[in-house]
Amino acid sequence: AITSGGSRNYADSVKGRFTISRDNAKNTVYLQMNSLRTEDTAVYYCN
């Protein structure tokens, strides 16, 4: 998760592999997922 001020919070299982960012002008949030593992398989929901 990321706040409007840029503070980020990650689950321990993805820290160092995933990066969250946002473009406030576009009201868009991104999740860059690298080094994916089979246990990352899931339905991902934007919040």
All heavy atoms as atom14 arrays in JSON, in Angstrom:
{
  "sequence": "AITSGGSRNYADSVKGRFTISRDNAKNTVYLQMNSLRTEDTAVYYCN",
  "atom14_mask": [
    [1, 1, 1, 1, 1, 0, 0, 0, 0, 0, 0, 0, 0, 0],
    [1, 1, 1, 1, 1, 1, 1, 1, 0, 0, 0, 0, 0, 0],
    [1, 1, 1, 1, 1, 1, 1, 0, 0, 0, 0, 0, 0, 0],
    [1, 1, 1, 1, 1, 1, 0, 0, 0, 0, 0, 0, 0, 0],
    [1, 1, 1, 1, 0, 0, 0, 0, 0, 0, 0, 0, 0, 0],
    [1, 1, 1, 1, 0, 0, 0, 0, 0, 0, 0, 0, 0, 0],
    [1, 1, 1, 1, 1, 1, 0, 0, 0, 0, 0, 0, 0, 0],
    [1, 1, 1, 1, 1, 1, 1, 1, 1, 1, 1, 0, 0, 0],
    [1, 1, 1, 1, 1, 1, 1, 1, 0, 0, 0, 0, 0, 0],
    [1, 1, 1, 1, 1, 1, 1, 1, 1, 1, 1, 1, 0, 0],
    [1, 1, 1, 1, 1, 0, 0, 0, 0, 0, 0, 0, 0, 0],
    [1, 1, 1, 1, 1, 1, 1, 1, 0, 0, 0, 0, 0, 0],
    [1, 1, 1, 1, 1, 1, 0, 0, 0, 0, 0, 0, 0, 0],
    [1, 1, 1, 1, 1, 1, 1, 0, 0, 0, 0, 0, 0, 0],
    [1, 1, 1, 1, 1, 1, 1, 1, 1, 0, 0, 0, 0, 0],
    [1, 1, 1, 1, 0, 0, 0, 0, 0, 0, 0, 0, 0, 0],
    [1, 1, 1, 1, 1, 1, 1, 1, 1, 1, 1, 0, 0, 0],
    [1, 1, 1, 1, 1, 1, 1, 1, 1, 1, 1, 0, 0, 0],
    [1, 1, 1, 1, 1, 1, 1, 0, 0, 0, 0, 0, 0, 0],
    [1, 1, 1, 1, 1, 1, 1, 1, 0, 0, 0, 0, 0, 0],
    [1, 1, 1, 1, 1, 1, 0, 0, 0, 0, 0, 0, 0, 0],
    [1, 1, 1, 1, 1, 1, 1, 1, 1, 1, 1, 0, 0, 0],
    [1, 1, 1, 1, 1, 1, 1, 1, 0, 0, 0, 0, 0, 0],
    [1, 1, 1, 1, 1, 1, 1, 1, 0, 0, 0, 0, 0, 0],
    [1, 1, 1, 1, 1, 0, 0, 0, 0, 0, 0, 0, 0, 0],
    [1, 1, 1, 1, 1, 1, 1, 1, 1, 0, 0, 0, 0, 0],
    [1, 1, 1, 1, 1, 1, 1, 1, 0, 0, 0, 0, 0, 0],
    [1, 1, 1, 1, 1, 1, 1, 0, 0, 0, 0, 0, 0, 0],
    [1, 1, 1, 1, 1, 1, 1, 0, 0, 0, 0, 0, 0, 0],
    [1, 1, 1, 1, 1, 1, 1, 1, 1, 1, 1, 1, 0, 0],
    [1, 1, 1, 1, 1, 1, 1, 1, 0, 0, 0, 0, 0, 0],
    [1, 1, 1, 1, 1, 1, 1, 1, 1, 0, 0, 0, 0, 0],
    [1, 1, 1, 1, 1, 1, 1, 1, 0, 0, 0, 0, 0, 0],
    [1, 1, 1, 1, 1, 1, 1, 1, 0, 0, 0, 0, 0, 0],
    [1, 1, 1, 1, 1, 1, 0, 0, 0, 0, 0, 0, 0, 0],
    [1, 1, 1, 1, 1, 1, 1, 1, 0, 0, 0, 0, 0, 0],
    [1, 1, 1, 1, 1, 1, 1, 1, 1, 1, 1, 0, 0, 0],
    [1, 1, 1, 1, 1, 1, 1, 0, 0, 0, 0, 0, 0, 0],
    [1, 1, 1, 1, 1, 1, 1, 1, 1, 0, 0, 0, 0, 0],
    [1, 1, 1, 1, 1, 1, 1, 1, 0, 0, 0, 0, 0, 0],
    [1, 1, 1, 1, 1, 1, 1, 0, 0, 0, 0, 0, 0, 0],
    [1, 1, 1, 1, 1, 0, 0, 0, 0, 0, 0, 0, 0, 0],
    [1, 1, 1, 1, 1, 1, 1, 0, 0, 0, 0, 0, 0, 0],
    [1, 1, 1, 1, 1, 1, 1, 1, 1, 1, 1, 1, 0, 0],
    [1, 1, 1, 1, 1, 1, 1, 1, 1, 1, 1, 1, 0, 0],
    [1, 1, 1, 1, 1, 1, 0, 0, 0, 0, 0, 0, 0, 0],
    [1, 1, 1, 1, 1, 1, 1, 1, 0, 0, 0, 0, 0, 0]
  ],
  "atom14_positions": [
    [[0.84, -1.18, 0.0], [0.0, 0.0, 0.0], [0.88, 1.24, 0.0], [2.02, 1.21, 0.46], [-0.94, 0.01, 1.21], [0.0, 0.0, 0.0], [0.0, 0.0, 0.0], [0.0, 0.0, 0.0], [0.0, 0.0, 0.0], [0.0, 0.0, 0.0], [0.0, 0.0, 0.0], [0.0, 0.0, 0.0], [0.0, 0.0, 0.0], [0.0, 0.0, 0.0]],
    [[0.33, 2.32, -0.51], [1.05, 3.58, -0.56], [0.07, 4.71, -0.31], [-1.03, 4.74, -0.84], [1.78, 3.75, -1.92], [2.61, 5.03, -1.93], [0.79, 3.69, -3.08], [3.54, 5.12, -3.13], [0.0, 0.0, 0.0], [0.0, 0.0, 0.0], [0.0, 0.0, 0.0], [0.0, 0.0, 0.0], [0.0, 0.0, 0.0], [0.0, 0.0, 0.0]],
    [[0.47, 5.65, 0.53], [-0.37, 6.79, 0.84], [-0.13, 7.9, -0.18], [0.79, 7.85, -1.0], [-0.1, 7.33, 2.25], [1.21, 7.91, 2.29], [-0.19, 6.23, 3.28], [0.0, 0.0, 0.0], [0.0, 0.0, 0.0], [0.0, 0.0, 0.0], [0.0, 0.0, 0.0], [0.0, 0.0, 0.0], [0.0, 0.0, 0.0], [0.0, 0.0, 0.0]],
    [[-0.98, 8.92, -0.11], [-0.81, 10.05, -1.01], [0.5, 10.77, -0.79], [1.02, 11.42, -1.7], [-1.98, 11.03, -0.85], [-2.06, 11.51, 0.49], [0.0, 0.0, 0.0], [0.0, 0.0, 0.0], [0.0, 0.0, 0.0], [0.0, 0.0, 0.0], [0.0, 0.0, 0.0], [0.0, 0.0, 0.0], [0.0, 0.0, 0.0], [0.0, 0.0, 0.0]],
    [[1.05, 10.65, 0.42], [2.33, 11.26, 0.73], [3.54, 10.42, 0.37], [4.68, 10.87, 0.54], [0.0, 0.0, 0.0], [0.0, 0.0, 0.0], [0.0, 0.0, 0.0], [0.0, 0.0, 0.0], [0.0, 0.0, 0.0], [0.0, 0.0, 0.0], [0.0, 0.0, 0.0], [0.0, 0.0, 0.0], [0.0, 0.0, 0.0], [0.0, 0.0, 0.0]],
    [[3.3, 9.2, -0.11], [4.39, 8.36, -0.56], [4.88, 7.33, 0.43], [5.86, 6.61, 0.14], [0.0, 0.0, 0.0], [0.0, 0.0, 0.0], [0.0, 0.0, 0.0], [0.0, 0.0, 0.0], [0.0, 0.0, 0.0], [0.0, 0.0, 0.0], [0.0, 0.0, 0.0], [0.0, 0.0, 0.0], [0.0, 0.0, 0.0], [0.0, 0.0, 0.0]],
    [[4.25, 7.22, 1.59], [4.64, 6.19, 2.54], [4.21, 4.82, 2.03], [3.08, 4.65, 1.58], [4.01, 6.46, 3.9], [4.47, 7.68, 4.44], [0.0, 0.0, 0.0], [0.0, 0.0, 0.0], [0.0, 0.0, 0.0], [0.0, 0.0, 0.0], [0.0, 0.0, 0.0], [0.0, 0.0, 0.0], [0.0, 0.0, 0.0], [0.0, 0.0, 0.0]],
    [[5.09, 3.85, 2.14], [4.84, 2.52, 1.6], [4.85, 1.47, 2.69], [5.57, 1.57, 3.68], [5.89, 2.16, 0.55], [5.86, 3.03, -0.69], [7.03, 2.7, -1.6], [6.95, 3.39, -2.88], [7.41, 4.61, -3.11], [8.0, 5.3, -2.13], [7.3, 5.16, -4.32], [0.0, 0.0, 0.0], [0.0, 0.0, 0.0], [0.0, 0.0, 0.0]],
    [[4.05, 0.45, 2.47], [3.98, -0.68, 3.37], [3.89, -1.95, 2.54], [3.08, -2.03, 1.62], [2.77, -0.57, 4.3], [2.75, -1.64, 5.36], [3.79, -2.0, 5.91], [1.57, -2.15, 5.68], [0.0, 0.0, 0.0], [0.0, 0.0, 0.0], [0.0, 0.0, 0.0], [0.0, 0.0, 0.0], [0.0, 0.0, 0.0], [0.0, 0.0, 0.0]],
    [[4.72, -2.94, 2.87], [4.77, -4.19, 2.13], [4.59, -5.37, 3.06], [5.03, -5.36, 4.21], [6.11, -4.37, 1.43], [6.42, -3.37, 0.34], [7.18, -2.24, 0.6], [5.96, -3.58, -0.95], [7.47, -1.34, -0.4], [6.25, -2.68, -1.96], [7.01, -1.56, -1.68], [7.31, -0.67, -2.68], [0.0, 0.0, 0.0], [0.0, 0.0, 0.0]],
    [[3.96, -6.41, 2.54], [3.97, -7.68, 3.24], [5.4, -8.22, 3.27], [6.17, -8.04, 2.32], [3.05, -8.68, 2.55], [0.0, 0.0, 0.0], [0.0, 0.0, 0.0], [0.0, 0.0, 0.0], [0.0, 0.0, 0.0], [0.0, 0.0, 0.0], [0.0, 0.0, 0.0], [0.0, 0.0, 0.0], [0.0, 0.0, 0.0], [0.0, 0.0, 0.0]],
    [[5.74, -8.88, 4.36], [7.1, -9.41, 4.48], [7.44, -10.36, 3.34], [8.59, -10.41, 2.89], [7.26, -10.15, 5.81], [7.28, -9.21, 7.0], [7.56, -8.0, 6.81], [7.04, -9.67, 8.12], [0.0, 0.0, 0.0], [0.0, 0.0, 0.0], [0.0, 0.0, 0.0], [0.0, 0.0, 0.0], [0.0, 0.0, 0.0], [0.0, 0.0, 0.0]],
    [[6.47, -11.09, 2.85], [6.72, -12.08, 1.82], [7.08, -11.48, 0.47], [7.63, -12.19, -0.39], [5.5, -12.99, 1.65], [4.36, -12.24, 1.28], [0.0, 0.0, 0.0], [0.0, 0.0, 0.0], [0.0, 0.0, 0.0], [0.0, 0.0, 0.0], [0.0, 0.0, 0.0], [0.0, 0.0, 0.0], [0.0, 0.0, 0.0], [0.0, 0.0, 0.0]],
    [[6.79, -10.21, 0.26], [7.07, -9.59, -1.03], [8.12, -8.5, -0.95], [8.56, -7.98, -1.99], [5.79, -9.02, -1.68], [4.71, -10.08, -1.74], [5.3, -7.78, -0.94], [0.0, 0.0, 0.0], [0.0, 0.0, 0.0], [0.0, 0.0, 0.0], [0.0, 0.0, 0.0], [0.0, 0.0, 0.0], [0.0, 0.0, 0.0], [0.0, 0.0, 0.0]],
    [[8.53, -8.15, 0.24], [9.49, -7.07, 0.42], [10.79, -7.39, -0.3], [11.34, -8.48, -0.17], [9.73, -6.84, 1.91], [10.39, -5.52, 2.25], [10.37, -5.26, 3.76], [8.96, -5.14, 4.29], [8.92, -4.82, 5.74], [0.0, 0.0, 0.0], [0.0, 0.0, 0.0], [0.0, 0.0, 0.0], [0.0, 0.0, 0.0], [0.0, 0.0, 0.0]],
    [[11.26, -6.43, -1.07], [12.47, -6.63, -1.86], [12.22, -7.16, -3.24], [13.12, -7.13, -4.09], [0.0, 0.0, 0.0], [0.0, 0.0, 0.0], [0.0, 0.0, 0.0], [0.0, 0.0, 0.0], [0.0, 0.0, 0.0], [0.0, 0.0, 0.0], [0.0, 0.0, 0.0], [0.0, 0.0, 0.0], [0.0, 0.0, 0.0], [0.0, 0.0, 0.0]],
    [[11.03, -7.66, -3.5], [10.68, -8.2, -4.81], [9.64, -7.35, -5.52], [9.67, -7.22, -6.75], [10.15, -9.63, -4.7], [11.15, -10.61, -4.09], [10.63, -12.04, -4.17], [9.41, -12.23, -3.39], [8.24, -12.62, -3.89], [8.12, -12.86, -5.19], [7.2, -12.78, -3.09], [0.0, 0.0, 0.0], [0.0, 0.0, 0.0], [0.0, 0.0, 0.0]],
    [[8.71, -6.8, -4.76], [7.64, -5.99, -5.32], [7.88, -4.52, -5.0], [8.43, -4.19, -3.94], [6.28, -6.38, -4.75], [5.79, -7.75, -5.13], [6.59, -8.65, -5.81], [4.5, -8.14, -4.79], [6.14, -9.92, -6.15], [4.03, -9.4, -5.12], [4.85, -10.29, -5.8], [0.0, 0.0, 0.0], [0.0, 0.0, 0.0], [0.0, 0.0, 0.0]],
    [[7.44, -3.67, -5.89], [7.52, -2.23, -5.68], [6.19, -1.59, -6.02], [5.67, -1.78, -7.12], [8.63, -1.6, -6.54], [9.89, -2.21, -6.24], [8.73, -0.1, -6.25], [0.0, 0.0, 0.0], [0.0, 0.0, 0.0], [0.0, 0.0, 0.0], [0.0, 0.0, 0.0], [0.0, 0.0, 0.0], [0.0, 0.0, 0.0], [0.0, 0.0, 0.0]],
    [[5.66, -0.84, -5.08], [4.41, -0.13, -5.32], [4.72, 1.34, -5.58], [5.63, 1.92, -4.96], [3.43, -0.29, -4.14], [2.05, 0.26, -4.52], [3.95, 0.36, -2.87], [0.95, -0.11, -3.53], [0.0, 0.0, 0.0], [0.0, 0.0, 0.0], [0.0, 0.0, 0.0], [0.0, 0.0, 0.0], [0.0, 0.0, 0.0], [0.0, 0.0, 0.0]],
    [[3.98, 1.93, -6.48], [4.14, 3.34, -6.79], [2.79, 3.9, -7.21], [1.85, 3.15, -7.48], [5.19, 3.57, -7.89], [4.8, 2.93, -9.09], [0.0, 0.0, 0.0], [0.0, 0.0, 0.0], [0.0, 0.0, 0.0], [0.0, 0.0, 0.0], [0.0, 0.0, 0.0], [0.0, 0.0, 0.0], [0.0, 0.0, 0.0], [0.0, 0.0, 0.0]],
    [[2.69, 5.21, -7.25], [1.43, 5.83, -7.68], [1.7, 7.11, -8.44], [2.7, 7.8, -8.21], [0.51, 6.09, -6.48], [1.01, 7.12, -5.49], [0.14, 7.15, -4.24], [-1.15, 7.76, -4.45], [-2.13, 7.8, -3.55], [-1.96, 7.22, -2.36], [-3.28, 8.4, -3.82], [0.0, 0.0, 0.0], [0.0, 0.0, 0.0], [0.0, 0.0, 0.0]],
    [[0.8, 7.4, -9.32], [0.81, 8.64, -10.07], [-0.44, 9.39, -9.63], [-1.55, 9.07, -10.05], [0.8, 8.37, -11.57], [0.93, 9.63, -12.4], [0.55, 10.72, -11.93], [1.42, 9.54, -13.54], [0.0, 0.0, 0.0], [0.0, 0.0, 0.0], [0.0, 0.0, 0.0], [0.0, 0.0, 0.0], [0.0, 0.0, 0.0], [0.0, 0.0, 0.0]],
    [[-0.26, 10.37, -8.78], [-1.41, 11.08, -8.23], [-2.18, 11.86, -9.29], [-3.4, 12.0, -9.2], [-0.96, 12.03, -7.12], [-0.52, 11.3, -5.87], [-1.03, 10.22, -5.56], [0.42, 11.88, -5.13], [0.0, 0.0, 0.0], [0.0, 0.0, 0.0], [0.0, 0.0, 0.0], [0.0, 0.0, 0.0], [0.0, 0.0, 0.0], [0.0, 0.0, 0.0]],
    [[-1.48, 12.36, -10.3], [-2.15, 13.09, -11.36], [-3.09, 12.19, -12.15], [-4.12, 12.64, -12.64], [-1.12, 13.73, -12.3], [0.0, 0.0, 0.0], [0.0, 0.0, 0.0], [0.0, 0.0, 0.0], [0.0, 0.0, 0.0], [0.0, 0.0, 0.0], [0.0, 0.0, 0.0], [0.0, 0.0, 0.0], [0.0, 0.0, 0.0], [0.0, 0.0, 0.0]],
    [[-2.72, 10.93, -12.28], [-3.54, 9.96, -13.01], [-4.41, 9.11, -12.1], [-5.17, 8.28, -12.58], [-2.65, 9.04, -13.85], [-1.86, 9.75, -14.93], [-1.01, 8.76, -15.71], [-0.24, 9.45, -16.82], [0.6, 8.5, -17.58], [0.0, 0.0, 0.0], [0.0, 0.0, 0.0], [0.0, 0.0, 0.0], [0.0, 0.0, 0.0], [0.0, 0.0, 0.0]],
    [[-4.28, 9.32, -10.79], [-5.01, 8.52, -9.82], [-4.82, 7.02, -10.08], [-5.76, 6.24, -10.05], [-6.5, 8.88, -9.82], [-6.74, 10.31, -9.4], [-6.38, 10.71, -8.3], [-7.35, 11.09, -10.28], [0.0, 0.0, 0.0], [0.0, 0.0, 0.0], [0.0, 0.0, 0.0], [0.0, 0.0, 0.0], [0.0, 0.0, 0.0], [0.0, 0.0, 0.0]],
    [[-3.58, 6.66, -10.32], [-3.24, 5.3, -10.69], [-2.18, 4.75, -9.75], [-1.22, 5.46, -9.41], [-2.74, 5.24, -12.13], [-3.77, 5.71, -13.01], [-2.38, 3.82, -12.53], [0.0, 0.0, 0.0], [0.0, 0.0, 0.0], [0.0, 0.0, 0.0], [0.0, 0.0, 0.0], [0.0, 0.0, 0.0], [0.0, 0.0, 0.0], [0.0, 0.0, 0.0]],
    [[-2.34, 3.51, -9.37], [-1.36, 2.82, -8.54], [-0.82, 1.64, -9.33], [-1.54, 0.99, -10.09], [-1.97, 2.37, -7.2], [-3.11, 1.38, -7.41], [-0.9, 1.79, -6.29], [0.0, 0.0, 0.0], [0.0, 0.0, 0.0], [0.0, 0.0, 0.0], [0.0, 0.0, 0.0], [0.0, 0.0, 0.0], [0.0, 0.0, 0.0], [0.0, 0.0, 0.0]],
    [[0.47, 1.39, -9.16], [1.15, 0.32, -9.88], [1.79, -0.64, -8.9], [2.18, -0.26, -7.8], [2.24, 0.88, -10.79], [1.78, 1.96, -11.73], [1.87, 3.31, -11.38], [1.25, 1.65, -12.98], [1.45, 4.31, -12.24], [0.83, 2.63, -13.84], [0.93, 3.96, -13.48], [0.51, 4.95, -14.34], [0.0, 0.0, 0.0], [0.0, 0.0, 0.0]],
    [[1.9, -1.87, -9.32], [2.64, -2.86, -8.55], [3.57, -3.6, -9.5], [3.12, -4.39, -10.34], [1.7, -3.85, -7.87], [2.38, -4.87, -6.94], [2.97, -4.16, -5.72], [1.39, -5.95, -6.5], [0.0, 0.0, 0.0], [0.0, 0.0, 0.0], [0.0, 0.0, 0.0], [0.0, 0.0, 0.0], [0.0, 0.0, 0.0], [0.0, 0.0, 0.0]],
    [[4.86, -3.32, -9.37], [5.87, -4.03, -10.14], [6.27, -5.27, -9.36], [6.76, -5.16, -8.24], [7.08, -3.14, -10.38], [8.2, -3.8, -11.16], [7.81, -4.13, -12.59], [7.25, -3.29, -13.28], [8.11, -5.35, -13.02], [0.0, 0.0, 0.0], [0.0, 0.0, 0.0], [0.0, 0.0, 0.0], [0.0, 0.0, 0.0], [0.0, 0.0, 0.0]],
    [[6.05, -6.42, -9.95], [6.31, -7.69, -9.29], [7.46, -8.39, -10.0], [7.32, -8.79, -11.16], [5.06, -8.57, -9.27], [3.85, -7.9, -8.63], [2.43, -9.02, -8.49], [2.03, -9.24, -10.23], [0.0, 0.0, 0.0], [0.0, 0.0, 0.0], [0.0, 0.0, 0.0], [0.0, 0.0, 0.0], [0.0, 0.0, 0.0], [0.0, 0.0, 0.0]],
    [[8.57, -8.54, -9.31], [9.74, -9.22, -9.84], [10.02, -10.48, -9.06], [9.53, -10.67, -7.95], [10.96, -8.3, -9.8], [10.8, -7.05, -10.64], [10.17, -7.06, -11.69], [11.41, -5.96, -10.18], [0.0, 0.0, 0.0], [0.0, 0.0, 0.0], [0.0, 0.0, 0.0], [0.0, 0.0, 0.0], [0.0, 0.0, 0.0], [0.0, 0.0, 0.0]],
    [[10.84, -11.34, -9.64], [11.22, -12.6, -8.99], [10.01, -13.35, -8.46], [9.99, -13.82, -7.32], [12.22, -12.31, -7.86], [13.37, -11.65, -8.33], [0.0, 0.0, 0.0], [0.0, 0.0, 0.0], [0.0, 0.0, 0.0], [0.0, 0.0, 0.0], [0.0, 0.0, 0.0], [0.0, 0.0, 0.0], [0.0, 0.0, 0.0], [0.0, 0.0, 0.0]],
    [[9.02, -13.49, -9.3], [7.77, -14.1, -8.88], [7.96, -15.57, -8.52], [8.73, -16.29, -9.16], [6.72, -13.94, -9.95], [6.09, -12.54, -10.03], [5.41, -12.32, -11.36], [5.11, -12.35, -8.88], [0.0, 0.0, 0.0], [0.0, 0.0, 0.0], [0.0, 0.0, 0.0], [0.0, 0.0, 0.0], [0.0, 0.0, 0.0], [0.0, 0.0, 0.0]],
    [[7.23, -15.99, -7.51], [7.25, -17.36, -7.03], [5.88, -17.98, -7.19], [4.87, -17.29, -7.29], [7.65, -17.38, -5.55], [8.97, -16.68, -5.24], [9.1, -16.42, -3.75], [10.34, -15.75, -3.4], [10.6, -15.22, -2.22], [9.7, -15.28, -1.24], [11.76, -14.62, -2.0], [0.0, 0.0, 0.0], [0.0, 0.0, 0.0], [0.0, 0.0, 0.0]],
    [[5.84, -19.31, -7.16], [4.57, -19.99, -7.31], [3.6, -19.6, -6.19], [2.39, -19.54, -6.42], [4.75, -21.51, -7.33], [5.44, -21.93, -6.14], [5.57, -21.94, -8.54], [0.0, 0.0, 0.0], [0.0, 0.0, 0.0], [0.0, 0.0, 0.0], [0.0, 0.0, 0.0], [0.0, 0.0, 0.0], [0.0, 0.0, 0.0], [0.0, 0.0, 0.0]],
    [[4.13, -19.32, -5.02], [3.27, -18.94, -3.91], [2.68, -17.54, -4.05], [1.84, -17.14, -3.24], [4.0, -19.07, -2.57], [5.31, -18.31, -2.51], [6.52, -19.2, -2.77], [6.44, -20.05, -3.68], [7.53, -19.05, -2.06], [0.0, 0.0, 0.0], [0.0, 0.0, 0.0], [0.0, 0.0, 0.0], [0.0, 0.0, 0.0], [0.0, 0.0, 0.0]],
    [[3.12, -16.8, -5.06], [2.5, -15.52, -5.35], [1.21, -15.66, -6.14], [0.5, -14.67, -6.36], [3.47, -14.62, -6.13], [4.69, -14.23, -5.32], [4.53, -13.9, -4.13], [5.8, -14.23, -5.89], [0.0, 0.0, 0.0], [0.0, 0.0, 0.0], [0.0, 0.0, 0.0], [0.0, 0.0, 0.0], [0.0, 0.0, 0.0], [0.0, 0.0, 0.0]],
    [[0.91, -16.86, -6.57], [-0.3, -17.11, -7.33], [-1.53, -16.77, -6.48], [-1.7, -17.28, -5.38], [-0.37, -18.57, -7.78], [0.71, -18.83, -8.68], [-1.69, -18.86, -8.49], [0.0, 0.0, 0.0], [0.0, 0.0, 0.0], [0.0, 0.0, 0.0], [0.0, 0.0, 0.0], [0.0, 0.0, 0.0], [0.0, 0.0, 0.0], [0.0, 0.0, 0.0]],
    [[-2.36, -15.9, -7.01], [-3.55, -15.45, -6.28], [-4.34, -14.51, -7.18], [-3.88, -14.11, -8.24], [-3.16, -14.72, -4.99], [0.0, 0.0, 0.0], [0.0, 0.0, 0.0], [0.0, 0.0, 0.0], [0.0, 0.0, 0.0], [0.0, 0.0, 0.0], [0.0, 0.0, 0.0], [0.0, 0.0, 0.0], [0.0, 0.0, 0.0], [0.0, 0.0, 0.0]],
    [[-5.53, -14.17, -6.72], [-6.27, -13.08, -7.31], [-5.84, -11.81, -6.6], [-5.89, -11.72, -5.37], [-7.79, -13.27, -7.19], [-8.53, -12.07, -7.77], [-8.23, -14.55, -7.9], [0.0, 0.0, 0.0], [0.0, 0.0, 0.0], [0.0, 0.0, 0.0], [0.0, 0.0, 0.0], [0.0, 0.0, 0.0], [0.0, 0.0, 0.0], [0.0, 0.0, 0.0]],
    [[-5.41, -10.84, -7.36], [-4.94, -9.58, -6.82], [-6.02, -8.51, -6.97], [-6.58, -8.33, -8.05], [-3.66, -9.13, -7.52], [-2.45, -9.91, -7.08], [-2.29, -11.24, -7.42], [-1.45, -9.3, -6.31], [-1.19, -11.96, -6.99], [-0.35, -10.0, -5.89], [-0.22, -11.34, -6.23], [0.89, -12.05, -5.81], [0.0, 0.0, 0.0], [0.0, 0.0, 0.0]],
    [[-6.29, -7.82, -5.87], [-7.35, -6.83, -5.84], [-6.77, -5.44, -5.58], [-6.01, -5.25, -4.64], [-8.36, -7.13, -4.73], [-9.12, -8.41, -4.91], [-8.66, -9.61, -4.38], [-10.32, -8.43, -5.62], [-9.35, -10.78, -4.55], [-11.03, -9.6, -5.79], [-10.54, -10.78, -5.25], [-11.24, -11.94, -5.41], [0.0, 0.0, 0.0], [0.0, 0.0, 0.0]],
    [[-7.15, -4.52, -6.42], [-6.81, -3.12, -6.18], [-7.66, -2.59, -5.04], [-8.85, -2.9, -4.94], [-7.04, -2.31, -7.44], [-6.61, -0.56, -7.3], [0.0, 0.0, 0.0], [0.0, 0.0, 0.0], [0.0, 0.0, 0.0], [0.0, 0.0, 0.0], [0.0, 0.0, 0.0], [0.0, 0.0, 0.0], [0.0, 0.0, 0.0], [0.0, 0.0, 0.0]],
    [[-7.06, -1.79, -4.19], [-7.75, -1.22, -3.04], [-7.48, 0.27, -2.95], [-6.34, 0.71, -3.07], [-7.29, -1.92, -1.76], [-7.78, -1.22, -0.5], [-7.05, -0.47, 0.14], [-9.03, -1.5, -0.14], [0.0, 0.0, 0.0], [0.0, 0.0, 0.0], [0.0, 0.0, 0.0], [0.0, 0.0, 0.0], [0.0, 0.0, 0.0], [0.0, 0.0, 0.0]]
  ]
}
